[in-house]
Amino acid sequence: MKRETEVEIFGNSYIVRSETEEEYTRQLAKYVDGKMKEVAGGVNTISSLKVAILAALSISSELFELTEKHRQQNDYIDRKATKLISILDTKLEEKTAQ
């Protein structure tokens, strides 16, 4: 069921229709608002569109960094699991051979 949540981002109010919980939508809006304010650096002369694009680039960079970190962690876990399986297989073979 779609919910309507009113949020404020960079001084503008928006109605967001989403299936997510209202609090989650508010948290997302607060995060975007914070990024836009950070990018604007307190200067009001920059257009909202430029600020939004720069904020989107900043958020995208965070996403890419986290995605790469997640991929590296998965690779590490896969290597360790493969090594453990190999050790277990070796021990089972030794036990079976006895």
PDB file of N, CA and C in Angstrom:
ATOM      1  N   MET A   1       0.846  -1.169   0.000  1.00  0.00           N
ATOM      2  CA  MET A   1       0.000   0.000   0.000  1.00  0.00           C
ATOM      3  C   MET A   1       0.900   1.245   0.000  1.00  0.00           C
ATOM      4  N   LYS A   2       0.645   2.143  -0.904  1.00  0.00           N
ATOM      5  CA  LYS A   2       1.445   3.370  -1.003  1.00  0.00           C
ATOM      6  C   LYS A   2       1.055   4.336   0.104  1.00  0.00           C
ATOM      7  N   ARG A   3       2.075   4.924   0.695  1.00  0.00           N
ATOM      8  CA  ARG A   3       1.879   5.929   1.729  1.00  0.00           C
ATOM      9  C   ARG A   3       2.335   7.270   1.174  1.00  0.00           C
ATOM     10  N   GLU A   4       1.719   8.309   1.636  1.00  0.00           N
ATOM     11  CA  GLU A   4       2.149   9.654   1.271  1.00  0.00           C
ATOM     12  C   GLU A   4       2.806  10.277   2.491  1.00  0.00           C
ATOM     13  N   THR A   5       4.021  10.751   2.283  1.00  0.00           N
ATOM     14  CA  THR A   5       4.785  11.365   3.359  1.00  0.00           C
ATOM     15  C   THR A   5       5.252  12.728   2.890  1.00  0.00           C
ATOM     16  N   GLU A   6       4.976  13.739   3.682  1.00  0.00           N
ATOM     17  CA  GLU A   6       5.457  15.074   3.344  1.00  0.00           C
ATOM     18  C   GLU A   6       6.844  15.253   3.940  1.00  0.00           C
ATOM     19  N   VAL A   7       7.780  15.666   3.101  1.00  0.00           N
ATOM     20  CA  VAL A   7       9.155  15.894   3.537  1.00  0.00           C
ATOM     21  C   VAL A   7       9.613  17.260   3.059  1.00  0.00           C
ATOM     22  N   GLU A   8      10.652  17.770   3.694  1.00  0.00           N
ATOM     23  CA  GLU A   8      11.245  19.026   3.259  1.00  0.00           C
ATOM     24  C   GLU A   8      12.704  18.774   2.898  1.00  0.00           C
ATOM     25  N   ILE A   9      13.063  19.184   1.689  1.00  0.00           N
ATOM     26  CA  ILE A   9      14.433  19.033   1.214  1.00  0.00           C
ATOM     27  C   ILE A   9      14.886  20.369   0.645  1.00  0.00           C
ATOM     28  N   PHE A  10      15.952  20.909   1.205  1.00  0.00           N
ATOM     29  CA  PHE A  10      16.559  22.147   0.749  1.00  0.00           C
ATOM     30  C   PHE A  10      15.536  23.284   0.635  1.00  0.00           C
ATOM     31  N   GLY A  11      14.676  23.362   1.667  1.00  0.00           N
ATOM     32  CA  GLY A  11      13.714  24.455   1.751  1.00  0.00           C
ATOM     33  C   GLY A  11      12.438  24.265   0.948  1.00  0.00           C
ATOM     34  N   ASN A  12      12.286  23.120   0.294  1.00  0.00           N
ATOM     35  CA  ASN A  12      11.076  22.848  -0.478  1.00  0.00           C
ATOM     36  C   ASN A  12      10.342  21.650   0.098  1.00  0.00           C
ATOM     37  N   SER A  13       9.013  21.723   0.094  1.00  0.00           N
ATOM     38  CA  SER A  13       8.200  20.614   0.579  1.00  0.00           C
ATOM     39  C   SER A  13       7.813  19.707  -0.580  1.00  0.00           C
ATOM     40  N   TYR A  14       7.848  18.402  -0.312  1.00  0.00           N
ATOM     41  CA  TYR A  14       7.487  17.408  -1.317  1.00  0.00           C
ATOM     42  C   TYR A  14       6.582  16.366  -0.676  1.00  0.00           C
ATOM     43  N   ILE A  15       5.684  15.827  -1.485  1.00  0.00           N
ATOM     44  CA  ILE A  15       4.896  14.673  -1.067  1.00  0.00           C
ATOM     45  C   ILE A  15       5.521  13.464  -1.756  1.00  0.00           C
ATOM     46  N   VAL A  16       5.973  12.518  -0.950  1.00  0.00           N
ATOM     47  CA  VAL A  16       6.600  11.311  -1.486  1.00  0.00           C
ATOM     48  C   VAL A  16       5.635  10.154  -1.323  1.00  0.00           C
ATOM     49  N   ARG A  17       5.318   9.500  -2.425  1.00  0.00           N
ATOM     50  CA  ARG A  17       4.472   8.305  -2.394  1.00  0.00           C
ATOM     51  C   ARG A  17       5.384   7.092  -2.450  1.00  0.00           C
ATOM     52  N   SER A  18       5.272   6.250  -1.432  1.00  0.00           N
ATOM     53  CA  SER A  18       6.181   5.117  -1.332  1.00  0.00           C
ATOM     54  C   SER A  18       5.538   3.994  -0.552  1.00  0.00           C
ATOM     55  N   GLU A  19       6.054   2.804  -0.757  1.00  0.00           N
ATOM     56  CA  GLU A  19       5.579   1.645   0.005  1.00  0.00           C
ATOM     57  C   GLU A  19       6.343   1.495   1.320  1.00  0.00           C
ATOM     58  N   THR A  20       7.379   2.301   1.492  1.00  0.00           N
ATOM     59  CA  THR A  20       8.180   2.200   2.702  1.00  0.00           C
ATOM     60  C   THR A  20       7.511   2.943   3.860  1.00  0.00           C
ATOM     61  N   GLU A  21       7.996   2.663   5.056  1.00  0.00           N
ATOM     62  CA  GLU A  21       7.482   3.333   6.247  1.00  0.00           C
ATOM     63  C   GLU A  21       7.765   4.837   6.172  1.00  0.00           C
ATOM     64  N   GLU A  22       6.879   5.625   6.725  1.00  0.00           N
ATOM     65  CA  GLU A  22       7.030   7.079   6.698  1.00  0.00           C
ATOM     66  C   GLU A  22       8.341   7.520   7.341  1.00  0.00           C
ATOM     67  N   GLU A  23       8.702   6.904   8.436  1.00  0.00           N
ATOM     68  CA  GLU A  23       9.935   7.289   9.135  1.00  0.00           C
ATOM     69  C   GLU A  23      11.155   7.047   8.252  1.00  0.00           C
ATOM     70  N   TYR A  24      11.157   5.951   7.515  1.00  0.00           N
ATOM     71  CA  TYR A  24      12.263   5.657   6.610  1.00  0.00           C
ATOM     72  C   TYR A  24      12.341   6.717   5.506  1.00  0.00           C
ATOM     73  N   THR A  25      11.208   7.080   4.952  1.00  0.00           N
ATOM     74  CA  THR A  25      11.162   8.118   3.920  1.00  0.00           C
ATOM     75  C   THR A  25      11.666   9.439   4.482  1.00  0.00           C
ATOM     76  N   ARG A  26      11.288   9.754   5.697  1.00  0.00           N
ATOM     77  CA  ARG A  26      11.758  10.989   6.336  1.00  0.00           C
ATOM     78  C   ARG A  26      13.275  10.955   6.551  1.00  0.00           C
ATOM     79  N   GLN A  27      13.797   9.805   6.947  1.00  0.00           N
ATOM     80  CA  GLN A  27      15.241   9.674   7.142  1.00  0.00           C
ATOM     81  C   GLN A  27      15.986   9.881   5.823  1.00  0.00           C
ATOM     82  N   LEU A  28      15.459   9.299   4.740  1.00  0.00           N
ATOM     83  CA  LEU A  28      16.088   9.496   3.432  1.00  0.00           C
ATOM     84  C   LEU A  28      16.078  10.966   3.040  1.00  0.00           C
ATOM     85  N   ALA A  29      14.931  11.608   3.224  1.00  0.00           N
ATOM     86  CA  ALA A  29      14.806  13.024   2.878  1.00  0.00           C
ATOM     87  C   ALA A  29      15.755  13.867   3.723  1.00  0.00           C
ATOM     88  N   LYS A  30      15.878  13.541   4.992  1.00  0.00           N
ATOM     89  CA  LYS A  30      16.783  14.276   5.882  1.00  0.00           C
ATOM     90  C   LYS A  30      18.227  14.109   5.417  1.00  0.00           C
ATOM     91  N   TYR A  31      18.577  12.917   4.981  1.00  0.00           N
ATOM     92  CA  TYR A  31      19.932  12.658   4.500  1.00  0.00           C
ATOM     93  C   TYR A  31      20.214  13.476   3.236  1.00  0.00           C
ATOM     94  N   VAL A  32      19.282  13.451   2.290  1.00  0.00           N
ATOM     95  CA  VAL A  32      19.441  14.216   1.053  1.00  0.00           C
ATOM     96  C   VAL A  32      19.509  15.707   1.369  1.00  0.00           C
ATOM     97  N   ASP A  33      18.647  16.169   2.249  1.00  0.00           N
ATOM     98  CA  ASP A  33      18.658  17.574   2.651  1.00  0.00           C
ATOM     99  C   ASP A  33      20.018  17.953   3.233  1.00  0.00           C
ATOM    100  N   GLY A  34      20.552  17.102   4.088  1.00  0.00           N
ATOM    101  CA  GLY A  34      21.854  17.352   4.691  1.00  0.00           C
ATOM    102  C   GLY A  34      22.960  17.411   3.650  1.00  0.00           C
ATOM    103  N   LYS A  35      22.919  16.496   2.675  1.00  0.00           N
ATOM    104  CA  LYS A  35      23.925  16.497   1.614  1.00  0.00           C
ATOM    105  C   LYS A  35      23.837  17.765   0.781  1.00  0.00           C
ATOM    106  N   MET A  36      22.622  18.180   0.476  1.00  0.00           N
ATOM    107  CA  MET A  36      22.451  19.386  -0.325  1.00  0.00           C
ATOM    108  C   MET A  36      22.973  20.608   0.426  1.00  0.00           C
ATOM    109  N   LYS A  37      22.693  20.682   1.719  1.00  0.00           N
ATOM    110  CA  LYS A  37      23.180  21.803   2.523  1.00  0.00           C
ATOM    111  C   LYS A  37      24.699  21.768   2.624  1.00  0.00           C
ATOM    112  N   GLU A  38      25.248  20.581   2.753  1.00  0.00           N
ATOM    113  CA  GLU A  38      26.704  20.427   2.808  1.00  0.00           C
ATOM    114  C   GLU A  38      27.343  20.906   1.503  1.00  0.00           C
ATOM    115  N   VAL A  39      26.772  20.501   0.375  1.00  0.00           N
ATOM    116  CA  VAL A  39      27.298  20.889  -0.936  1.00  0.00           C
ATOM    117  C   VAL A  39      27.175  22.399  -1.144  1.00  0.00           C
ATOM    118  N   ALA A  40      26.036  22.952  -0.732  1.00  0.00           N
ATOM    119  CA  ALA A  40      25.807  24.383  -0.920  1.00  0.00           C
ATOM    120  C   ALA A  40      26.757  25.201  -0.048  1.00  0.00           C
ATOM    121  N   GLY A  41      27.187  24.634   1.045  1.00  0.00           N
ATOM    122  CA  GLY A  41      28.136  25.301   1.916  1.00  0.00           C
ATOM    123  C   GLY A  41      27.637  26.615   2.481  1.00  0.00           C
ATOM    124  N   GLY A  42      26.339  26.725   2.664  1.00  0.00           N
ATOM    125  CA  GLY A  42      25.781  27.938   3.241  1.00  0.00           C
ATOM    126  C   GLY A  42      25.618  29.075   2.250  1.00  0.00           C
ATOM    127  N   VAL A  43      25.990  28.851   0.986  1.00  0.00           N
ATOM    128  CA  VAL A  43      25.850  29.889  -0.033  1.00  0.00           C
ATOM    129  C   VAL A  43      24.492  29.728  -0.712  1.00  0.00           C
ATOM    130  N   ASN A  44      23.675  30.741  -0.688  1.00  0.00           N
ATOM    131  CA  ASN A  44      22.334  30.658  -1.266  1.00  0.00           C
ATOM    132  C   ASN A  44      22.275  31.028  -2.744  1.00  0.00           C
ATOM    133  N   THR A  45      23.403  31.445  -3.320  1.00  0.00           N
ATOM    134  CA  THR A  45      23.381  31.895  -4.705  1.00  0.00           C
ATOM    135  C   THR A  45      23.493  30.758  -5.714  1.00  0.00           C
ATOM    136  N   ILE A  46      23.842  29.555  -5.263  1.00  0.00           N
ATOM    137  CA  ILE A  46      23.939  28.403  -6.161  1.00  0.00           C
ATOM    138  C   ILE A  46      22.526  27.901  -6.453  1.00  0.00           C
ATOM    139  N   SER A  47      22.259  27.546  -7.713  1.00  0.00           N
ATOM    140  CA  SER A  47      20.920  27.069  -8.067  1.00  0.00           C
ATOM    141  C   SER A  47      20.643  25.726  -7.392  1.00  0.00           C
ATOM    142  N   SER A  48      19.385  25.494  -7.078  1.00  0.00           N
ATOM    143  CA  SER A  48      18.970  24.241  -6.446  1.00  0.00           C
ATOM    144  C   SER A  48      19.303  23.051  -7.325  1.00  0.00           C
ATOM    145  N   LEU A  49      19.170  23.212  -8.631  1.00  0.00           N
ATOM    146  CA  LEU A  49      19.475  22.114  -9.549  1.00  0.00           C
ATOM    147  C   LEU A  49      20.944  21.727  -9.465  1.00  0.00           C
ATOM    148  N   LYS A  50      21.834  22.710  -9.463  1.00  0.00           N
ATOM    149  CA  LYS A  50      23.264  22.419  -9.358  1.00  0.00           C
ATOM    150  C   LYS A  50      23.582  21.752  -8.020  1.00  0.00           C
ATOM    151  N   VAL A  51      22.985  22.239  -6.964  1.00  0.00           N
ATOM    152  CA  VAL A  51      23.196  21.654  -5.643  1.00  0.00           C
ATOM    153  C   VAL A  51      22.703  20.208  -5.633  1.00  0.00           C
ATOM    154  N   ALA A  52      21.538  19.965  -6.224  1.00  0.00           N
ATOM    155  CA  ALA A  52      20.981  18.607  -6.267  1.00  0.00           C
ATOM    156  C   ALA A  52      21.893  17.668  -7.053  1.00  0.00           C
ATOM    157  N   ILE A  53      22.430  18.139  -8.168  1.00  0.00           N
ATOM    158  CA  ILE A  53      23.322  17.303  -8.975  1.00  0.00           C
ATOM    159  C   ILE A  53      24.603  16.994  -8.211  1.00  0.00           C
ATOM    160  N   LEU A  54      25.184  17.994  -7.568  1.00  0.00           N
ATOM    161  CA  LEU A  54      26.400  17.763  -6.789  1.00  0.00           C
ATOM    162  C   LEU A  54      26.141  16.841  -5.601  1.00  0.00           C
ATOM    163  N   ALA A  55      24.984  16.988  -4.968  1.00  0.00           N
ATOM    164  CA  ALA A  55      24.625  16.102  -3.855  1.00  0.00           C
ATOM    165  C   ALA A  55      24.429  14.671  -4.362  1.00  0.00           C
ATOM    166  N   ALA A  56      23.800  14.527  -5.535  1.00  0.00           N
ATOM    167  CA  ALA A  56      23.603  13.195  -6.116  1.00  0.00           C
ATOM    168  C   ALA A  56      24.950  12.546  -6.425  1.00  0.00           C
ATOM    169  N   LEU A  57      25.895  13.327  -6.928  1.00  0.00           N
ATOM    170  CA  LEU A  57      27.233  12.787  -7.185  1.00  0.00           C
ATOM    171  C   LEU A  57      27.914  12.348  -5.894  1.00  0.00           C
ATOM    172  N   SER A  58      27.766  13.136  -4.847  1.00  0.00           N
ATOM    173  CA  SER A  58      28.355  12.790  -3.558  1.00  0.00           C
ATOM    174  C   SER A  58      27.738  11.504  -3.001  1.00  0.00           C
ATOM    175  N   ILE A  59      26.426  11.392  -3.061  1.00  0.00           N
ATOM    176  CA  ILE A  59      25.729  10.197  -2.575  1.00  0.00           C
ATOM    177  C   ILE A  59      26.106   8.990  -3.425  1.00  0.00           C
ATOM    178  N   SER A  60      26.217   9.191  -4.743  1.00  0.00           N
ATOM    179  CA  SER A  60      26.623   8.098  -5.633  1.00  0.00           C
ATOM    180  C   SER A  60      28.025   7.612  -5.303  1.00  0.00           C
ATOM    181  N   SER A  61      28.916   8.539  -4.998  1.00  0.00           N
ATOM    182  CA  SER A  61      30.274   8.167  -4.616  1.00  0.00           C
ATOM    183  C   SER A  61      30.255   7.308  -3.355  1.00  0.00           C
ATOM    184  N   GLU A  62      29.460   7.694  -2.379  1.00  0.00           N
ATOM    185  CA  GLU A  62      29.336   6.899  -1.146  1.00  0.00           C
ATOM    186  C   GLU A  62      28.831   5.496  -1.469  1.00  0.00           C
ATOM    187  N   LEU A  63      27.821   5.421  -2.342  1.00  0.00           N
ATOM    188  CA  LEU A  63      27.255   4.125  -2.723  1.00  0.00           C
ATOM    189  C   LEU A  63      28.305   3.251  -3.395  1.00  0.00           C
ATOM    190  N   PHE A  64      29.057   3.817  -4.347  1.00  0.00           N
ATOM    191  CA  PHE A  64      30.080   3.054  -5.050  1.00  0.00           C
ATOM    192  C   PHE A  64      31.144   2.547  -4.083  1.00  0.00           C
ATOM    193  N   GLU A  65      31.567   3.398  -3.151  1.00  0.00           N
ATOM    194  CA  GLU A  65      32.583   2.996  -2.167  1.00  0.00           C
ATOM    195  C   GLU A  65      32.074   1.852  -1.296  1.00  0.00           C
ATOM    196  N   LEU A  66      30.838   1.959  -0.833  1.00  0.00           N
ATOM    197  CA  LEU A  66      30.265   0.897   0.000  1.00  0.00           C
ATOM    198  C   LEU A  66      30.062  -0.391  -0.783  1.00  0.00           C
ATOM    199  N   THR A  67      29.656  -0.262  -2.040  1.00  0.00           N
ATOM    200  CA  THR A  67      29.467  -1.440  -2.894  1.00  0.00           C
ATOM    201  C   THR A  67      30.794  -2.163  -3.102  1.00  0.00           C
ATOM    202  N   GLU A  68      31.861  -1.398  -3.355  1.00  0.00           N
ATOM    203  CA  GLU A  68      33.187  -2.003  -3.539  1.00  0.00           C
ATOM    204  C   GLU A  68      33.670  -2.661  -2.250  1.00  0.00           C
ATOM    205  N   LYS A  69      33.455  -2.001  -1.122  1.00  0.00           N
ATOM    206  CA  LYS A  69      33.845  -2.579   0.171  1.00  0.00           C
ATOM    207  C   LYS A  69      33.082  -3.882   0.414  1.00  0.00           C
ATOM    208  N   HIS A  70      31.804  -3.888   0.106  1.00  0.00           N
ATOM    209  CA  HIS A  70      30.973  -5.084   0.268  1.00  0.00           C
ATOM    210  C   HIS A  70      31.477  -6.211  -0.631  1.00  0.00           C
ATOM    211  N   ARG A  71      31.841  -5.885  -1.880  1.00  0.00           N
ATOM    212  CA  ARG A  71      32.355  -6.882  -2.814  1.00  0.00           C
ATOM    213  C   ARG A  71      33.658  -7.476  -2.285  1.00  0.00           C
ATOM    214  N   GLN A  72      34.543  -6.626  -1.775  1.00  0.00           N
ATOM    215  CA  GLN A  72      35.816  -7.100  -1.232  1.00  0.00           C
ATOM    216  C   GLN A  72      35.601  -8.007  -0.027  1.00  0.00           C
ATOM    217  N   GLN A  73      34.650  -7.643   0.831  1.00  0.00           N
ATOM    218  CA  GLN A  73      34.351  -8.481   1.997  1.00  0.00           C
ATOM    219  C   GLN A  73      33.786  -9.827   1.564  1.00  0.00           C
ATOM    220  N   ASN A  74      32.918  -9.828   0.560  1.00  0.00           N
ATOM    221  CA  ASN A  74      32.371 -11.089   0.051  1.00  0.00           C
ATOM    222  C   ASN A  74      33.468 -11.959  -0.553  1.00  0.00           C
ATOM    223  N   ASP A  75      34.388 -11.349  -1.294  1.00  0.00           N
ATOM    224  CA  ASP A  75      35.508 -12.101  -1.865  1.00  0.00           C
ATOM    225  C   ASP A  75      36.356 -12.726  -0.756  1.00  0.00           C
ATOM    226  N   TYR A  76      36.617 -11.959   0.295  1.00  0.00           N
ATOM    227  CA  TYR A  76      37.395 -12.457   1.428  1.00  0.00           C
ATOM    228  C   TYR A  76      36.680 -13.643   2.091  1.00  0.00           C
ATOM    229  N   ILE A  77      35.392 -13.495   2.312  1.00  0.00           N
ATOM    230  CA  ILE A  77      34.603 -14.566   2.934  1.00  0.00           C
ATOM    231  C   ILE A  77      34.602 -15.802   2.049  1.00  0.00           C
ATOM    232  N   ASP A  78      34.448 -15.624   0.746  1.00  0.00           N
ATOM    233  CA  ASP A  78      34.466 -16.761  -0.186  1.00  0.00           C
ATOM    234  C   ASP A  78      35.812 -17.492  -0.134  1.00  0.00           C
ATOM    235  N   ARG A  79      36.921 -16.728  -0.115  1.00  0.00           N
ATOM    236  CA  ARG A  79      38.253 -17.346  -0.053  1.00  0.00           C
ATOM    237  C   ARG A  79      38.419 -18.139   1.244  1.00  0.00           C
ATOM    238  N   LYS A  80      37.994 -17.539   2.356  1.00  0.00           N
ATOM    239  CA  LYS A  80      38.124 -18.220   3.655  1.00  0.00           C
ATOM    240  C   LYS A  80      37.247 -19.469   3.714  1.00  0.00           C
ATOM    241  N   ALA A  81      36.027 -19.373   3.187  1.00  0.00           N
ATOM    242  CA  ALA A  81      35.125 -20.529   3.192  1.00  0.00           C
ATOM    243  C   ALA A  81      35.689 -21.652   2.333  1.00  0.00           C
ATOM    244  N   THR A  82      36.249 -21.319   1.179  1.00  0.00           N
ATOM    245  CA  THR A  82      36.850 -22.325   0.307  1.00  0.00           C
ATOM    246  C   THR A  82      38.019 -23.004   1.009  1.00  0.00           C
ATOM    247  N   LYS A  83      38.839 -22.210   1.693  1.00  0.00           N
ATOM    248  CA  LYS A  83      39.977 -22.762   2.423  1.00  0.00           C
ATOM    249  C   LYS A  83      39.511 -23.693   3.549  1.00  0.00           C
ATOM    250  N   LEU A  84      38.475 -23.267   4.282  1.00  0.00           N
ATOM    251  CA  LEU A  84      37.954 -24.107   5.368  1.00  0.00           C
ATOM    252  C   LEU A  84      37.363 -25.416   4.834  1.00  0.00           C
ATOM    253  N   ILE A  85      36.657 -25.336   3.728  1.00  0.00           N
ATOM    254  CA  ILE A  85      36.084 -26.548   3.123  1.00  0.00           C
ATOM    255  C   ILE A  85      37.192 -27.492   2.699  1.00  0.00           C
ATOM    256  N   SER A  86      38.249 -26.935   2.141  1.00  0.00           N
ATOM    257  CA  SER A  86      39.385 -27.754   1.731  1.00  0.00           C
ATOM    258  C   SER A  86      40.024 -28.445   2.935  1.00  0.00           C
ATOM    259  N   ILE A  87      40.210 -27.723   4.013  1.00  0.00           N
ATOM    260  CA  ILE A  87      40.783 -28.296   5.238  1.00  0.00           C
ATOM    261  C   ILE A  87      39.880 -29.404   5.766  1.00  0.00           C
ATOM    262  N   LEU A  88      38.574 -29.141   5.805  1.00  0.00           N
ATOM    263  CA  LEU A  88      37.631 -30.157   6.297  1.00  0.00           C
ATOM    264  C   LEU A  88      37.638 -31.392   5.408  1.00  0.00           C
ATOM    265  N   ASP A  89      37.661 -31.184   4.091  1.00  0.00           N
ATOM    266  CA  ASP A  89      37.698 -32.326   3.170  1.00  0.00           C
ATOM    267  C   ASP A  89      38.948 -33.163   3.400  1.00  0.00           C
ATOM    268  N   THR A  90      40.093 -32.505   3.584  1.00  0.00           N
ATOM    269  CA  THR A  90      41.346 -33.201   3.822  1.00  0.00           C
ATOM    270  C   THR A  90      41.271 -34.013   5.108  1.00  0.00           C
ATOM    271  N   LYS A  91      40.751 -33.430   6.170  1.00  0.00           N
ATOM    272  CA  LYS A  91      40.631 -34.125   7.456  1.00  0.00           C
ATOM    273  C   LYS A  91      39.667 -35.301   7.352  1.00  0.00           C
ATOM    274  N   LEU A  92      38.579 -35.121   6.623  1.00  0.00           N
ATOM    275  CA  LEU A  92      37.621 -36.228   6.451  1.00  0.00           C
ATOM    276  C   LEU A  92      38.238 -37.363   5.658  1.00  0.00           C
ATOM    277  N   GLU A  93      39.004 -37.028   4.640  1.00  0.00           N
ATOM    278  CA  GLU A  93      39.673 -38.060   3.843  1.00  0.00           C
ATOM    279  C   GLU A  93      40.684 -38.815   4.691  1.00  0.00           C
ATOM    280  N   GLU A  94      41.420 -38.083   5.523  1.00  0.00           N
ATOM    281  CA  GLU A  94      42.387 -38.749   6.419  1.00  0.00           C
ATOM    282  C   GLU A  94      41.670 -39.657   7.392  1.00  0.00           C
ATOM    283  N   LYS A  95      40.570 -39.189   7.919  1.00  0.00           N
ATOM    284  CA  LYS A  95      39.797 -39.987   8.890  1.00  0.00           C
ATOM    285  C   LYS A  95      39.227 -41.217   8.232  1.00  0.00           C
ATOM    286  N   THR A  96      38.748 -41.091   6.992  1.00  0.00           N
ATOM    287  CA  THR A  96      38.149 -42.207   6.254  1.00  0.00           C
ATOM    288  C   THR A  96      39.226 -43.232   5.900  1.00  0.00           C
ATOM    289  N   ALA A  97      40.417 -42.768   5.600  1.00  0.00           N
ATOM    290  CA  ALA A  97      41.516 -43.642   5.208  1.00  0.00           C
ATOM    291  C   ALA A  97      42.018 -44.480   6.376  1.00  0.00           C
ATOM    292  N   GLN A  98      41.775 -44.051   7.570  1.00  0.00           N
ATOM    293  CA  GLN A  98      42.262 -44.781   8.747  1.00  0.00           C
ATOM    294  C   GLN A  98      41.436 -45.968   9.006  1.00  0.00           C
TER     295      GLN A  98
END
